[in-house]
């Protein structure tokens, strides 16, 4: 199994920045894909960004393009989400997830709260 633990969430003013971390443990060789998702109150969980093992391929939701950057440090078994120019609509619980090369995201962290005030 893979255990994922998110950290770095908090309260920030609109226009500010936060960096989320996702530490993986266990069978970390099963983390070919790592992604970030978020869920706001009353809404379904939505995709934010993902990155493959090499770091050479990344994708982002349209709502965060140009503001968020996903990265990973495989030596540390950690993925990151750098969030800049935060907006109130970014307020949500952010979840880290991982998947094998061929497969859907099947391991999830507990989530970390991000609140953006204005």
N, C-alpha and C. Protein backbone atom coordinates (compact mmCIF):
# COMPACT_ATOMS: atom_id res chain seq x y z
N UNK A 1 0.81 -1.17 0.00
CA UNK A 1 0.00 0.00 0.00
C UNK A 1 0.87 1.25 0.00
N UNK A 2 0.24 2.38 -0.30
CA UNK A 2 0.89 3.68 -0.29
C UNK A 2 0.14 4.57 0.68
N UNK A 3 0.88 5.23 1.56
CA UNK A 3 0.30 6.20 2.47
C UNK A 3 0.69 7.59 2.00
N UNK A 4 -0.27 8.50 1.97
CA UNK A 4 -0.04 9.87 1.54
C UNK A 4 -0.48 10.82 2.64
N UNK A 5 0.36 11.79 2.94
CA UNK A 5 0.06 12.78 3.97
C UNK A 5 0.30 14.17 3.41
N UNK A 6 -0.76 14.97 3.36
CA UNK A 6 -0.65 16.34 2.88
C UNK A 6 -0.32 17.28 4.04
N UNK A 7 0.34 18.38 3.71
CA UNK A 7 0.62 19.41 4.69
C UNK A 7 0.80 20.73 3.95
N UNK A 8 0.80 21.82 4.70
CA UNK A 8 1.06 23.13 4.13
C UNK A 8 -0.15 24.00 3.94
N UNK A 9 -1.34 23.48 4.20
CA UNK A 9 -2.53 24.29 4.07
C UNK A 9 -2.62 25.34 5.17
N UNK A 10 -3.55 26.25 5.00
CA UNK A 10 -3.73 27.29 5.99
C UNK A 10 -4.59 28.41 5.46
N UNK A 11 -4.55 29.53 6.16
CA UNK A 11 -5.31 30.72 5.81
C UNK A 11 -4.39 31.74 5.17
N UNK A 12 -4.82 32.27 4.04
CA UNK A 12 -4.01 33.25 3.32
C UNK A 12 -4.92 34.29 2.69
N UNK A 13 -4.41 35.51 2.56
CA UNK A 13 -5.15 36.57 1.90
C UNK A 13 -5.15 36.37 0.39
N UNK A 14 -6.19 36.85 -0.26
CA UNK A 14 -6.24 36.80 -1.72
C UNK A 14 -4.99 37.45 -2.30
N UNK A 15 -4.43 36.80 -3.31
CA UNK A 15 -3.20 37.26 -3.91
C UNK A 15 -1.95 36.66 -3.30
N UNK A 16 -2.11 35.97 -2.18
CA UNK A 16 -0.98 35.36 -1.51
C UNK A 16 -0.64 34.00 -2.08
N UNK A 17 0.30 33.33 -1.43
CA UNK A 17 0.82 32.06 -1.91
C UNK A 17 0.91 31.04 -0.78
N UNK A 18 0.79 29.79 -1.15
CA UNK A 18 1.01 28.66 -0.26
C UNK A 18 1.67 27.55 -1.05
N UNK A 19 2.43 26.71 -0.36
CA UNK A 19 2.98 25.51 -0.98
C UNK A 19 2.52 24.30 -0.19
N UNK A 20 1.81 23.41 -0.86
CA UNK A 20 1.37 22.17 -0.27
C UNK A 20 2.38 21.07 -0.53
N UNK A 21 2.53 20.18 0.42
CA UNK A 21 3.41 19.03 0.27
C UNK A 21 2.61 17.75 0.45
N UNK A 22 3.04 16.71 -0.24
CA UNK A 22 2.42 15.40 -0.14
C UNK A 22 3.53 14.37 0.02
N UNK A 23 3.67 13.84 1.21
CA UNK A 23 4.71 12.86 1.50
C UNK A 23 4.15 11.45 1.34
N UNK A 24 4.82 10.64 0.54
CA UNK A 24 4.41 9.27 0.29
C UNK A 24 5.29 8.31 1.06
N UNK A 25 4.69 7.26 1.56
CA UNK A 25 5.43 6.21 2.24
C UNK A 25 4.82 4.86 1.89
N UNK A 26 5.53 3.80 2.22
CA UNK A 26 5.08 2.47 1.86
C UNK A 26 5.68 2.07 0.53
N UNK A 27 4.83 1.56 -0.36
CA UNK A 27 5.28 1.10 -1.67
C UNK A 27 5.34 2.28 -2.64
N UNK A 28 6.34 3.11 -2.46
CA UNK A 28 6.42 4.35 -3.22
C UNK A 28 6.77 4.14 -4.69
N UNK A 29 7.18 2.93 -5.06
CA UNK A 29 7.42 2.64 -6.47
C UNK A 29 6.12 2.55 -7.25
N UNK A 30 5.01 2.62 -6.58
CA UNK A 30 3.69 2.59 -7.21
C UNK A 30 3.10 4.00 -7.32
N UNK A 31 3.97 4.99 -7.45
CA UNK A 31 3.53 6.38 -7.51
C UNK A 31 3.92 7.01 -8.84
N UNK A 32 3.68 6.30 -9.95
CA UNK A 32 4.05 6.83 -11.26
C UNK A 32 3.35 8.17 -11.54
N UNK A 33 2.08 8.25 -11.20
CA UNK A 33 1.32 9.48 -11.32
C UNK A 33 1.03 10.02 -9.93
N UNK A 34 1.19 11.29 -9.75
CA UNK A 34 0.75 11.94 -8.54
C UNK A 34 -0.09 13.15 -8.93
N UNK A 35 -1.13 13.37 -8.18
CA UNK A 35 -2.03 14.45 -8.52
C UNK A 35 -2.58 15.16 -7.30
N UNK A 36 -3.09 16.34 -7.55
CA UNK A 36 -3.77 17.13 -6.55
C UNK A 36 -5.22 17.35 -6.98
N UNK A 37 -6.11 17.19 -6.03
CA UNK A 37 -7.53 17.43 -6.23
C UNK A 37 -8.01 18.33 -5.10
N UNK A 38 -9.18 18.91 -5.28
CA UNK A 38 -9.73 19.74 -4.22
C UNK A 38 -11.24 19.60 -4.17
N UNK A 39 -11.79 19.88 -3.00
CA UNK A 39 -13.23 19.80 -2.82
C UNK A 39 -13.68 20.95 -1.93
N UNK A 40 -14.53 21.79 -2.48
CA UNK A 40 -15.10 22.90 -1.75
C UNK A 40 -16.42 22.47 -1.13
N UNK A 41 -16.88 23.16 -0.09
CA UNK A 41 -18.15 22.80 0.54
C UNK A 41 -19.30 22.77 -0.45
N UNK A 42 -20.07 21.69 -0.43
CA UNK A 42 -21.22 21.57 -1.30
C UNK A 42 -20.90 21.23 -2.74
N UNK A 43 -19.65 21.00 -3.06
CA UNK A 43 -19.24 20.69 -4.43
C UNK A 43 -18.54 19.34 -4.48
N UNK A 44 -18.50 18.77 -5.67
CA UNK A 44 -17.80 17.51 -5.87
C UNK A 44 -16.29 17.74 -5.95
N UNK A 45 -15.54 16.71 -5.67
CA UNK A 45 -14.10 16.79 -5.78
C UNK A 45 -13.71 17.04 -7.24
N UNK A 46 -12.76 17.95 -7.46
CA UNK A 46 -12.34 18.28 -8.80
C UNK A 46 -10.83 18.15 -8.96
N UNK A 47 -10.42 17.87 -10.17
CA UNK A 47 -9.02 17.75 -10.50
C UNK A 47 -8.35 19.11 -10.50
N UNK A 48 -7.13 19.16 -9.98
CA UNK A 48 -6.35 20.39 -9.96
C UNK A 48 -5.11 20.27 -10.84
N UNK A 49 -4.29 19.25 -10.61
CA UNK A 49 -3.04 19.08 -11.36
C UNK A 49 -2.51 17.67 -11.17
N UNK A 50 -1.71 17.21 -12.13
CA UNK A 50 -1.02 15.94 -11.94
C UNK A 50 0.34 15.97 -12.61
N UNK A 51 1.20 15.05 -12.19
CA UNK A 51 2.56 14.96 -12.68
C UNK A 51 2.98 13.50 -12.74
N UNK A 52 3.77 13.13 -13.76
CA UNK A 52 4.24 11.77 -13.87
C UNK A 52 5.61 11.63 -13.21
N UNK A 53 6.12 10.40 -13.17
CA UNK A 53 7.34 10.09 -12.44
C UNK A 53 8.50 11.00 -12.79
N UNK A 54 8.74 11.21 -14.08
CA UNK A 54 9.90 11.99 -14.52
C UNK A 54 9.76 13.47 -14.25
N UNK A 55 8.55 13.93 -14.01
CA UNK A 55 8.30 15.35 -13.87
C UNK A 55 8.19 16.08 -15.18
N UNK A 56 8.35 15.37 -16.29
CA UNK A 56 8.36 15.99 -17.60
C UNK A 56 7.00 16.28 -18.19
N UNK A 57 5.97 15.70 -17.63
CA UNK A 57 4.62 15.91 -18.12
C UNK A 57 3.74 16.34 -16.96
N UNK A 58 3.14 17.49 -17.11
CA UNK A 58 2.22 18.00 -16.11
C UNK A 58 0.96 18.49 -16.78
N UNK A 59 -0.14 18.42 -16.08
CA UNK A 59 -1.40 18.97 -16.57
C UNK A 59 -2.07 19.73 -15.44
N UNK A 60 -2.90 20.70 -15.83
CA UNK A 60 -3.57 21.55 -14.86
C UNK A 60 -5.01 21.79 -15.27
N UNK A 61 -5.84 21.97 -14.27
CA UNK A 61 -7.19 22.44 -14.54
C UNK A 61 -7.12 23.87 -15.06
N UNK A 62 -8.06 24.22 -15.94
CA UNK A 62 -8.06 25.56 -16.51
C UNK A 62 -8.13 26.64 -15.44
N UNK A 63 -8.80 26.35 -14.35
CA UNK A 63 -9.00 27.34 -13.30
C UNK A 63 -7.72 27.72 -12.57
N UNK A 64 -6.67 26.90 -12.68
CA UNK A 64 -5.44 27.17 -11.93
C UNK A 64 -4.24 27.38 -12.84
N UNK A 65 -4.40 27.25 -14.14
CA UNK A 65 -3.28 27.42 -15.07
C UNK A 65 -2.66 28.80 -14.91
N UNK A 66 -1.34 28.83 -14.86
CA UNK A 66 -0.62 30.08 -14.72
C UNK A 66 -0.44 30.52 -13.29
N UNK A 67 -1.15 29.89 -12.36
CA UNK A 67 -1.05 30.25 -10.95
C UNK A 67 -0.47 29.14 -10.09
N UNK A 68 -0.79 27.89 -10.41
CA UNK A 68 -0.33 26.74 -9.62
C UNK A 68 0.74 25.99 -10.39
N UNK A 69 1.68 25.41 -9.67
CA UNK A 69 2.73 24.59 -10.25
C UNK A 69 2.89 23.31 -9.45
N UNK A 70 2.78 22.17 -10.12
CA UNK A 70 2.99 20.89 -9.46
C UNK A 70 4.41 20.42 -9.74
N UNK A 71 5.04 19.81 -8.76
CA UNK A 71 6.38 19.27 -8.91
C UNK A 71 6.53 18.07 -8.00
N UNK A 72 7.63 17.33 -8.16
CA UNK A 72 7.87 16.20 -7.28
C UNK A 72 9.36 15.98 -7.11
N UNK A 73 9.73 15.46 -5.96
CA UNK A 73 11.09 15.10 -5.64
C UNK A 73 11.06 13.63 -5.28
N UNK A 74 11.44 12.79 -6.23
CA UNK A 74 11.33 11.35 -6.02
C UNK A 74 12.28 10.85 -4.94
N UNK A 75 13.42 11.50 -4.77
CA UNK A 75 14.35 11.10 -3.72
C UNK A 75 13.73 11.29 -2.34
N UNK A 76 12.84 12.25 -2.23
CA UNK A 76 12.15 12.52 -0.97
C UNK A 76 10.75 11.91 -0.93
N UNK A 77 10.35 11.26 -2.01
CA UNK A 77 9.00 10.68 -2.10
C UNK A 77 7.93 11.71 -1.78
N UNK A 78 8.11 12.89 -2.34
CA UNK A 78 7.22 14.00 -2.02
C UNK A 78 6.81 14.74 -3.28
N UNK A 79 5.53 15.09 -3.35
CA UNK A 79 5.01 15.96 -4.39
C UNK A 79 4.62 17.29 -3.78
N UNK A 80 4.62 18.32 -4.61
CA UNK A 80 4.34 19.66 -4.13
C UNK A 80 3.32 20.33 -5.03
N UNK A 81 2.61 21.28 -4.47
CA UNK A 81 1.74 22.15 -5.24
C UNK A 81 2.00 23.57 -4.79
N UNK A 82 2.70 24.33 -5.63
CA UNK A 82 2.95 25.74 -5.36
C UNK A 82 1.76 26.53 -5.87
N UNK A 83 1.10 27.25 -4.99
CA UNK A 83 -0.10 27.99 -5.34
C UNK A 83 0.18 29.48 -5.18
N UNK A 84 0.14 30.20 -6.28
CA UNK A 84 0.36 31.64 -6.28
C UNK A 84 -0.90 32.37 -6.69
N UNK A 85 -0.95 33.65 -6.37
CA UNK A 85 -2.10 34.49 -6.72
C UNK A 85 -3.40 33.80 -6.33
N UNK A 86 -3.48 33.38 -5.10
CA UNK A 86 -4.66 32.65 -4.64
C UNK A 86 -5.89 33.53 -4.64
N UNK A 87 -7.01 32.91 -4.94
CA UNK A 87 -8.30 33.58 -5.01
C UNK A 87 -9.27 32.93 -4.02
N UNK A 88 -10.28 33.66 -3.58
CA UNK A 88 -11.25 33.06 -2.65
C UNK A 88 -11.86 31.77 -3.18
N UNK A 89 -12.06 31.67 -4.49
CA UNK A 89 -12.64 30.47 -5.06
C UNK A 89 -11.70 29.27 -5.00
N UNK A 90 -10.45 29.48 -4.61
CA UNK A 90 -9.52 28.37 -4.40
C UNK A 90 -9.73 27.70 -3.04
N UNK A 91 -10.56 28.28 -2.20
CA UNK A 91 -10.82 27.72 -0.88
C UNK A 91 -11.41 26.32 -1.01
N UNK A 92 -10.77 25.35 -0.39
CA UNK A 92 -11.20 23.96 -0.49
C UNK A 92 -10.30 23.10 0.38
N UNK A 93 -10.70 21.86 0.55
CA UNK A 93 -9.80 20.85 1.08
C UNK A 93 -9.03 20.27 -0.09
N UNK A 94 -7.72 20.28 0.00
CA UNK A 94 -6.87 19.79 -1.08
C UNK A 94 -6.37 18.40 -0.74
N UNK A 95 -6.51 17.49 -1.69
CA UNK A 95 -6.12 16.09 -1.51
C UNK A 95 -5.02 15.71 -2.48
N UNK A 96 -4.09 14.94 -2.01
CA UNK A 96 -3.06 14.34 -2.84
C UNK A 96 -3.48 12.91 -3.17
N UNK A 97 -3.15 12.46 -4.37
CA UNK A 97 -3.47 11.11 -4.79
C UNK A 97 -2.37 10.57 -5.69
N UNK A 98 -2.31 9.26 -5.83
CA UNK A 98 -1.31 8.64 -6.68
C UNK A 98 -1.91 7.46 -7.43
N UNK A 99 -1.27 7.11 -8.54
CA UNK A 99 -1.74 6.01 -9.39
C UNK A 99 -0.56 5.37 -10.09
N UNK A 100 -0.73 4.14 -10.52
CA UNK A 100 0.27 3.45 -11.32
C UNK A 100 0.25 3.97 -12.76
N UNK A 101 1.22 3.50 -13.56
CA UNK A 101 1.34 3.95 -14.95
C UNK A 101 0.02 3.81 -15.70
N UNK A 102 -0.57 2.64 -15.63
CA UNK A 102 -1.88 2.41 -16.22
C UNK A 102 -2.85 2.17 -15.07
N UNK A 103 -3.68 3.14 -14.82
CA UNK A 103 -4.64 3.00 -13.75
C UNK A 103 -5.17 4.34 -13.30
N UNK A 104 -6.20 4.27 -12.50
CA UNK A 104 -6.79 5.48 -11.94
C UNK A 104 -6.20 5.74 -10.57
N UNK A 105 -6.41 6.95 -10.08
CA UNK A 105 -5.94 7.30 -8.74
C UNK A 105 -6.65 6.43 -7.72
N UNK A 106 -5.87 5.68 -6.95
CA UNK A 106 -6.45 4.73 -6.01
C UNK A 106 -5.90 4.86 -4.60
N UNK A 107 -4.97 5.77 -4.37
CA UNK A 107 -4.49 6.06 -3.03
C UNK A 107 -4.64 7.55 -2.79
N UNK A 108 -5.17 7.89 -1.63
CA UNK A 108 -5.51 9.27 -1.33
C UNK A 108 -5.04 9.66 0.06
N UNK A 109 -4.65 10.91 0.21
CA UNK A 109 -4.32 11.45 1.51
C UNK A 109 -5.56 11.90 2.24
N UNK A 110 -5.35 12.43 3.44
CA UNK A 110 -6.47 12.84 4.28
C UNK A 110 -6.98 14.24 3.96
N UNK A 111 -6.22 15.00 3.21
CA UNK A 111 -6.61 16.35 2.84
C UNK A 111 -6.02 17.40 3.75
N UNK A 112 -5.83 18.59 3.20
CA UNK A 112 -5.39 19.74 3.98
C UNK A 112 -6.20 20.95 3.56
N UNK A 113 -6.66 21.72 4.54
CA UNK A 113 -7.56 22.83 4.28
C UNK A 113 -6.79 24.05 3.80
N UNK A 114 -7.28 24.64 2.72
CA UNK A 114 -6.77 25.91 2.22
C UNK A 114 -7.92 26.91 2.22
N UNK A 115 -7.74 28.01 2.91
CA UNK A 115 -8.76 29.05 2.99
C UNK A 115 -8.16 30.36 2.51
N UNK A 116 -8.81 30.98 1.53
CA UNK A 116 -8.34 32.24 0.97
C UNK A 116 -9.37 33.31 1.29
N UNK A 117 -8.96 34.33 1.99
CA UNK A 117 -9.84 35.41 2.38
C UNK A 117 -9.64 36.63 1.50
N UNK A 118 -10.63 37.53 1.48
CA UNK A 118 -10.55 38.74 0.70
C UNK A 118 -11.21 39.88 1.42
